[in-house]
Structures are given as structure tokens and as C-alpha cells.
């Protein structure tokens, strides 16, 4: 084997290691951002549903009170 030559296997290994060192933290950050956005979206949906339910309860309660009077 050549002593001073550029070994392609070593170059490929080094590139894979650099990509993994940079890529793993990026994947973790991306996953956290996705989870955060999903949680915020769920909270907004819950608030909208609560408003809809409150509106229906008010409509139903006013309907029943009008009938009784």
C-alpha cells in the first residue's frame, strides 16, 4: 500500500463523521421545533373547541329557558 497517498476510505470515513457530528444535533433541534409547533397547534384547537362548546351551551340554555317561561 502507498504510504503517502490519499486513502479514499479514510476520506469517506472522515466525511461521514463530520456529517454525523453536525447532523445529529440538527435532527434533535428540528424534532424539538416540530413538537413545539404541534403542541401550540393543539392548544389553539382546544381553545377554539372550548369557544364553540360555550356558544352551544349558551344557545341550548337560552332555548330551554325561553320554553319554560
PDB file of N, CA and C in Angstrom:
ATOM      1  N   UNK A   1       0.841  -1.181   0.000  1.00  0.00           N
ATOM      2  CA  UNK A   1       0.000   0.000   0.000  1.00  0.00           C
ATOM      3  C   UNK A   1       0.888   1.248   0.000  1.00  0.00           C
ATOM      4  N   UNK A   2       0.360   2.292  -0.556  1.00  0.00           N
ATOM      5  CA  UNK A   2       1.127   3.536  -0.646  1.00  0.00           C
ATOM      6  C   UNK A   2       1.105   4.246   0.693  1.00  0.00           C
ATOM      7  N   UNK A   3       2.261   4.683   1.137  1.00  0.00           N
ATOM      8  CA  UNK A   3       2.353   5.325   2.441  1.00  0.00           C
ATOM      9  C   UNK A   3       1.895   6.778   2.408  1.00  0.00           C
ATOM     10  N   UNK A   4       2.246   7.507   1.383  1.00  0.00           N
ATOM     11  CA  UNK A   4       1.962   8.928   1.350  1.00  0.00           C
ATOM     12  C   UNK A   4       0.705   9.287   0.572  1.00  0.00           C
ATOM     13  N   UNK A   5       0.049   8.308  -0.023  1.00  0.00           N
ATOM     14  CA  UNK A   5      -1.096   8.583  -0.876  1.00  0.00           C
ATOM     15  C   UNK A   5      -2.358   8.884  -0.066  1.00  0.00           C
ATOM     16  N   UNK A   6      -3.353   9.455  -0.746  1.00  0.00           N
ATOM     17  CA  UNK A   6      -4.631   9.786  -0.132  1.00  0.00           C
ATOM     18  C   UNK A   6      -5.504   8.539  -0.164  1.00  0.00           C
ATOM     19  N   UNK A   7      -5.894   8.093   0.989  1.00  0.00           N
ATOM     20  CA  UNK A   7      -6.702   6.887   1.075  1.00  0.00           C
ATOM     21  C   UNK A   7      -8.184   7.272   1.033  1.00  0.00           C
ATOM     22  N   UNK A   8      -8.912   6.804   0.018  1.00  0.00           N
ATOM     23  CA  UNK A   8     -10.316   7.163  -0.179  1.00  0.00           C
ATOM     24  C   UNK A   8     -11.170   6.685   0.996  1.00  0.00           C
ATOM     25  N   UNK A   9     -10.861   5.552   1.540  1.00  0.00           N
ATOM     26  CA  UNK A   9     -11.627   5.023   2.677  1.00  0.00           C
ATOM     27  C   UNK A   9     -11.562   5.963   3.884  1.00  0.00           C
ATOM     28  N   UNK A  10     -10.379   6.510   4.155  1.00  0.00           N
ATOM     29  CA  UNK A  10     -10.211   7.429   5.280  1.00  0.00           C
ATOM     30  C   UNK A  10     -10.974   8.724   5.018  1.00  0.00           C
ATOM     31  N   UNK A  11     -10.939   9.200   3.790  1.00  0.00           N
ATOM     32  CA  UNK A  11     -11.646  10.427   3.438  1.00  0.00           C
ATOM     33  C   UNK A  11     -13.150  10.232   3.614  1.00  0.00           C
ATOM     34  N   UNK A  12     -13.676   9.128   3.125  1.00  0.00           N
ATOM     35  CA  UNK A  12     -15.109   8.844   3.260  1.00  0.00           C
ATOM     36  C   UNK A  12     -15.494   8.731   4.734  1.00  0.00           C
ATOM     37  N   UNK A  13     -14.670   8.044   5.513  1.00  0.00           N
ATOM     38  CA  UNK A  13     -14.951   7.904   6.939  1.00  0.00           C
ATOM     39  C   UNK A  13     -14.979   9.263   7.631  1.00  0.00           C
ATOM     40  N   UNK A  14     -14.018  10.116   7.326  1.00  0.00           N
ATOM     41  CA  UNK A  14     -13.968  11.446   7.929  1.00  0.00           C
ATOM     42  C   UNK A  14     -15.189  12.277   7.545  1.00  0.00           C
ATOM     43  N   UNK A  15     -15.599  12.201   6.289  1.00  0.00           N
ATOM     44  CA  UNK A  15     -16.803  12.919   5.864  1.00  0.00           C
ATOM     45  C   UNK A  15     -18.047  12.427   6.601  1.00  0.00           C
ATOM     46  N   UNK A  16     -18.175  11.123   6.748  1.00  0.00           N
ATOM     47  CA  UNK A  16     -19.320  10.570   7.478  1.00  0.00           C
ATOM     48  C   UNK A  16     -19.324  11.020   8.941  1.00  0.00           C
ATOM     49  N   UNK A  17     -18.162  11.082   9.536  1.00  0.00           N
ATOM     50  CA  UNK A  17     -18.084  11.515  10.931  1.00  0.00           C
ATOM     51  C   UNK A  17     -18.459  12.989  11.070  1.00  0.00           C
ATOM     52  N   UNK A  18     -17.996  13.819  10.144  1.00  0.00           N
ATOM     53  CA  UNK A  18     -18.343  15.248  10.195  1.00  0.00           C
ATOM     54  C   UNK A  18     -19.841  15.429  10.004  1.00  0.00           C
ATOM     55  N   UNK A  19     -20.403  14.698   9.044  1.00  0.00           N
ATOM     56  CA  UNK A  19     -21.844  14.791   8.800  1.00  0.00           C
ATOM     57  C   UNK A  19     -22.628  14.340  10.027  1.00  0.00           C
ATOM     58  N   UNK A  20     -22.171  13.275  10.683  1.00  0.00           N
ATOM     59  CA  UNK A  20     -22.905  12.803  11.863  1.00  0.00           C
ATOM     60  C   UNK A  20     -22.760  13.774  13.039  1.00  0.00           C
ATOM     61  N   UNK A  21     -21.610  14.379  13.181  1.00  0.00           N
ATOM     62  CA  UNK A  21     -21.405  15.341  14.275  1.00  0.00           C
ATOM     63  C   UNK A  21     -22.288  16.566  14.075  1.00  0.00           C
ATOM     64  N   UNK A  22     -22.442  16.996  12.835  1.00  0.00           N
ATOM     65  CA  UNK A  22     -23.292  18.156  12.552  1.00  0.00           C
ATOM     66  C   UNK A  22     -24.760  17.747  12.463  1.00  0.00           C
ATOM     67  N   UNK A  23     -25.035  16.588  11.884  1.00  0.00           N
ATOM     68  CA  UNK A  23     -26.403  16.181  11.600  1.00  0.00           C
ATOM     69  C   UNK A  23     -27.222  15.785  12.816  1.00  0.00           C
ATOM     70  N   UNK A  24     -26.618  15.099  13.769  1.00  0.00           N
ATOM     71  CA  UNK A  24     -27.380  14.622  14.936  1.00  0.00           C
ATOM     72  C   UNK A  24     -27.937  15.790  15.750  1.00  0.00           C
ATOM     73  N   UNK A  25     -27.146  16.806  16.094  1.00  0.00           N
ATOM     74  CA  UNK A  25     -27.733  17.947  16.814  1.00  0.00           C
ATOM     75  C   UNK A  25     -28.807  18.673  15.996  1.00  0.00           C
ATOM     76  N   UNK A  26     -28.609  18.764  14.681  1.00  0.00           N
ATOM     77  CA  UNK A  26     -29.620  19.406  13.841  1.00  0.00           C
ATOM     78  C   UNK A  26     -30.933  18.623  13.857  1.00  0.00           C
ATOM     79  N   UNK A  27     -30.851  17.311  13.830  1.00  0.00           N
ATOM     80  CA  UNK A  27     -32.051  16.481  13.897  1.00  0.00           C
ATOM     81  C   UNK A  27     -32.771  16.653  15.237  1.00  0.00           C
ATOM     82  N   UNK A  28     -32.011  16.746  16.307  1.00  0.00           N
ATOM     83  CA  UNK A  28     -32.614  16.934  17.631  1.00  0.00           C
ATOM     84  C   UNK A  28     -33.331  18.279  17.700  1.00  0.00           C
ATOM     85  N   UNK A  29     -32.680  19.331  17.211  1.00  0.00           N
ATOM     86  CA  UNK A  29     -33.297  20.665  17.224  1.00  0.00           C
ATOM     87  C   UNK A  29     -34.548  20.678  16.359  1.00  0.00           C
ATOM     88  N   UNK A  30     -34.484  20.062  15.185  1.00  0.00           N
ATOM     89  CA  UNK A  30     -35.643  20.012  14.298  1.00  0.00           C
ATOM     90  C   UNK A  30     -36.801  19.260  14.948  1.00  0.00           C
ATOM     91  N   UNK A  31     -36.508  18.161  15.620  1.00  0.00           N
ATOM     92  CA  UNK A  31     -37.553  17.394  16.296  1.00  0.00           C
ATOM     93  C   UNK A  31     -38.198  18.218  17.406  1.00  0.00           C
ATOM     94  N   UNK A  32     -37.393  18.947  18.159  1.00  0.00           N
ATOM     95  CA  UNK A  32     -37.944  19.784  19.228  1.00  0.00           C
ATOM     96  C   UNK A  32     -38.825  20.890  18.661  1.00  0.00           C
ATOM     97  N   UNK A  33     -38.428  21.474  17.551  1.00  0.00           N
ATOM     98  CA  UNK A  33     -39.246  22.520  16.928  1.00  0.00           C
ATOM     99  C   UNK A  33     -40.582  21.962  16.430  1.00  0.00           C
ATOM    100  N   UNK A  34     -40.559  20.781  15.852  1.00  0.00           N
ATOM    101  CA  UNK A  34     -41.795  20.164  15.368  1.00  0.00           C
ATOM    102  C   UNK A  34     -42.730  19.862  16.530  1.00  0.00           C
ATOM    103  N   UNK A  35     -42.188  19.337  17.612  1.00  0.00           N
ATOM    104  CA  UNK A  35     -43.007  19.026  18.790  1.00  0.00           C
ATOM    105  C   UNK A  35     -43.596  20.305  19.375  1.00  0.00           C
ATOM    106  N   UNK A  36     -42.796  21.360  19.430  1.00  0.00           N
ATOM    107  CA  UNK A  36     -43.265  22.634  19.966  1.00  0.00           C
ATOM    108  C   UNK A  36     -44.401  23.196  19.120  1.00  0.00           C
ATOM    109  N   UNK A  37     -44.254  23.162  17.795  1.00  0.00           N
ATOM    110  CA  UNK A  37     -45.303  23.670  16.908  1.00  0.00           C
ATOM    111  C   UNK A  37     -46.574  22.842  17.050  1.00  0.00           C
ATOM    112  N   UNK A  38     -46.426  21.540  17.177  1.00  0.00           N
ATOM    113  CA  UNK A  38     -47.583  20.662  17.306  1.00  0.00           C
ATOM    114  C   UNK A  38     -48.336  20.964  18.595  1.00  0.00           C
ATOM    115  N   UNK A  39     -47.599  21.179  19.679  1.00  0.00           N
ATOM    116  CA  UNK A  39     -48.244  21.487  20.953  1.00  0.00           C
ATOM    117  C   UNK A  39     -48.992  22.816  20.885  1.00  0.00           C
ATOM    118  N   UNK A  40     -48.385  23.815  20.259  1.00  0.00           N
ATOM    119  CA  UNK A  40     -49.050  25.113  20.119  1.00  0.00           C
ATOM    120  C   UNK A  40     -50.312  24.986  19.275  1.00  0.00           C
ATOM    121  N   UNK A  41     -50.241  24.188  18.218  1.00  0.00           N
ATOM    122  CA  UNK A  41     -51.404  23.987  17.350  1.00  0.00           C
ATOM    123  C   UNK A  41     -52.532  23.290  18.121  1.00  0.00           C
ATOM    124  N   UNK A  42     -52.183  22.305  18.922  1.00  0.00           N
ATOM    125  CA  UNK A  42     -53.194  21.602  19.719  1.00  0.00           C
ATOM    126  C   UNK A  42     -53.858  22.534  20.734  1.00  0.00           C
ATOM    127  N   UNK A  43     -53.061  23.405  21.325  1.00  0.00           N
ATOM    128  CA  UNK A  43     -53.623  24.362  22.290  1.00  0.00           C
ATOM    129  C   UNK A  43     -54.600  25.295  21.591  1.00  0.00           C
ATOM    130  N   UNK A  44     -54.248  25.788  20.383  1.00  0.00           N
ATOM    131  CA  UNK A  44     -55.167  26.667  19.643  1.00  0.00           C
ATOM    132  C   UNK A  44     -56.460  25.940  19.279  1.00  0.00           C
ATOM    133  N   UNK A  45     -56.352  24.692  18.869  1.00  0.00           N
ATOM    134  CA  UNK A  45     -57.547  23.916  18.523  1.00  0.00           C
ATOM    135  C   UNK A  45     -58.421  23.714  19.752  1.00  0.00           C
ATOM    136  N   UNK A  46     -57.810  23.411  20.882  1.00  0.00           N
ATOM    137  CA  UNK A  46     -58.581  23.233  22.119  1.00  0.00           C
ATOM    138  C   UNK A  46     -59.309  24.518  22.502  1.00  0.00           C
ATOM    139  N   UNK A  47     -58.647  25.659  22.347  1.00  0.00           N
ATOM    140  CA  UNK A  47     -59.292  26.935  22.677  1.00  0.00           C
ATOM    141  C   UNK A  47     -60.475  27.199  21.751  1.00  0.00           C
ATOM    142  N   UNK A  48     -60.321  26.899  20.465  1.00  0.00           N
ATOM    143  CA  UNK A  48     -61.425  27.093  19.528  1.00  0.00           C
ATOM    144  C   UNK A  48     -62.592  26.176  19.868  1.00  0.00           C
ATOM    145  N   UNK A  49     -62.290  24.926  20.219  1.00  0.00           N
ATOM    146  CA  UNK A  49     -63.356  23.996  20.593  1.00  0.00           C
ATOM    147  C   UNK A  49     -64.061  24.452  21.863  1.00  0.00           C
ATOM    148  N   UNK A  50     -63.309  24.963  22.812  1.00  0.00           N
ATOM    149  CA  UNK A  50     -63.927  25.467  24.039  1.00  0.00           C
ATOM    150  C   UNK A  50     -64.881  26.608  23.736  1.00  0.00           C
ATOM    151  N   UNK A  51     -64.481  27.517  22.833  1.00  0.00           N
ATOM    152  CA  UNK A  51     -65.362  28.627  22.460  1.00  0.00           C
ATOM    153  C   UNK A  51     -66.617  28.116  21.777  1.00  0.00           C
ATOM    154  N   UNK A  52     -66.476  27.129  20.890  1.00  0.00           N
ATOM    155  CA  UNK A  52     -67.641  26.561  20.214  1.00  0.00           C
ATOM    156  C   UNK A  52     -68.584  25.890  21.205  1.00  0.00           C
ATOM    157  N   UNK A  53     -68.009  25.143  22.141  1.00  0.00           N
ATOM    158  CA  UNK A  53     -68.832  24.451  23.133  1.00  0.00           C
ATOM    159  C   UNK A  53     -69.550  25.458  24.019  1.00  0.00           C
ATOM    160  N   UNK A  54     -68.869  26.518  24.426  1.00  0.00           N
ATOM    161  CA  UNK A  54     -69.511  27.550  25.246  1.00  0.00           C
ATOM    162  C   UNK A  54     -70.675  28.188  24.493  1.00  0.00           C
ATOM    163  N   UNK A  55     -70.474  28.462  23.222  1.00  0.00           N
ATOM    164  CA  UNK A  55     -71.531  29.057  22.411  1.00  0.00           C
ATOM    165  C   UNK A  55     -72.731  28.141  22.299  1.00  0.00           C
ATOM    166  N   UNK A  56     -72.514  26.843  22.124  1.00  0.00           N
ATOM    167  CA  UNK A  56     -73.624  25.897  22.022  1.00  0.00           C
ATOM    168  C   UNK A  56     -74.340  25.759  23.355  1.00  0.00           C
ATOM    169  N   UNK A  57     -73.598  25.779  24.450  1.00  0.00           N
ATOM    170  CA  UNK A  57     -74.234  25.677  25.769  1.00  0.00           C
ATOM    171  C   UNK A  57     -75.107  26.896  26.007  1.00  0.00           C
ATOM    172  N   UNK A  58     -74.637  28.072  25.614  1.00  0.00           N
ATOM    173  CA  UNK A  58     -75.440  29.286  25.788  1.00  0.00           C
ATOM    174  C   UNK A  58     -76.699  29.226  24.933  1.00  0.00           C
ATOM    175  N   UNK A  59     -76.563  28.733  23.709  1.00  0.00           N
ATOM    176  CA  UNK A  59     -77.728  28.625  22.825  1.00  0.00           C
ATOM    177  C   UNK A  59     -78.731  27.636  23.409  1.00  0.00           C
ATOM    178  N   UNK A  60     -78.256  26.481  23.864  1.00  0.00           N
ATOM    179  CA  UNK A  60     -79.147  25.471  24.430  1.00  0.00           C
ATOM    180  C   UNK A  60     -79.804  25.966  25.713  1.00  0.00           C
ATOM    181  N   UNK A  61     -79.048  26.635  26.563  1.00  0.00           N
ATOM    182  CA  UNK A  61     -79.627  27.108  27.819  1.00  0.00           C
ATOM    183  C   UNK A  61     -80.649  28.202  27.565  1.00  0.00           C
ATOM    184  N   UNK A  62     -80.406  29.076  26.589  1.00  0.00           N
ATOM    185  CA  UNK A  62     -81.388  30.123  26.300  1.00  0.00           C
ATOM    186  C   UNK A  62     -82.620  29.516  25.634  1.00  0.00           C
ATOM    187  N   UNK A  63     -82.463  28.469  24.872  1.00  0.00           N
ATOM    188  CA  UNK A  63     -83.599  27.800  24.224  1.00  0.00           C
ATOM    189  C   UNK A  63     -84.514  27.187  25.292  1.00  0.00           C
ATOM    190  N   UNK A  64     -83.902  26.506  26.281  1.00  0.00           N
ATOM    191  CA  UNK A  64     -84.720  25.856  27.307  1.00  0.00           C
ATOM    192  C   UNK A  64     -85.366  26.863  28.247  1.00  0.00           C
ATOM    193  N   UNK A  65     -84.694  27.946  28.535  1.00  0.00           N
ATOM    194  CA  UNK A  65     -85.297  28.941  29.436  1.00  0.00           C
ATOM    195  C   UNK A  65     -86.451  29.675  28.754  1.00  0.00           C
ATOM    196  N   UNK A  66     -86.374  29.867  27.445  1.00  0.00           N
ATOM    197  CA  UNK A  66     -87.467  30.513  26.719  1.00  0.00           C
ATOM    198  C   UNK A  66     -88.704  29.629  26.685  1.00  0.00           C
ATOM    199  N   UNK A  67     -88.522  28.330  26.551  1.00  0.00           N
ATOM    200  CA  UNK A  67     -89.639  27.400  26.501  1.00  0.00           C
ATOM    201  C   UNK A  67     -90.388  27.357  27.817  1.00  0.00           C
ATOM    202  N   UNK A  68     -89.641  27.390  28.905  1.00  0.00           N
ATOM    203  CA  UNK A  68     -90.245  27.254  30.224  1.00  0.00           C
ATOM    204  C   UNK A  68     -91.041  28.500  30.621  1.00  0.00           C
ATOM    205  N   UNK A  69     -90.646  29.656  30.114  1.00  0.00           N
ATOM    206  CA  UNK A  69     -91.304  30.897  30.507  1.00  0.00           C
ATOM    207  C   UNK A  69     -92.585  31.076  29.838  1.00  0.00           C
TER     208      UNK A  69
END
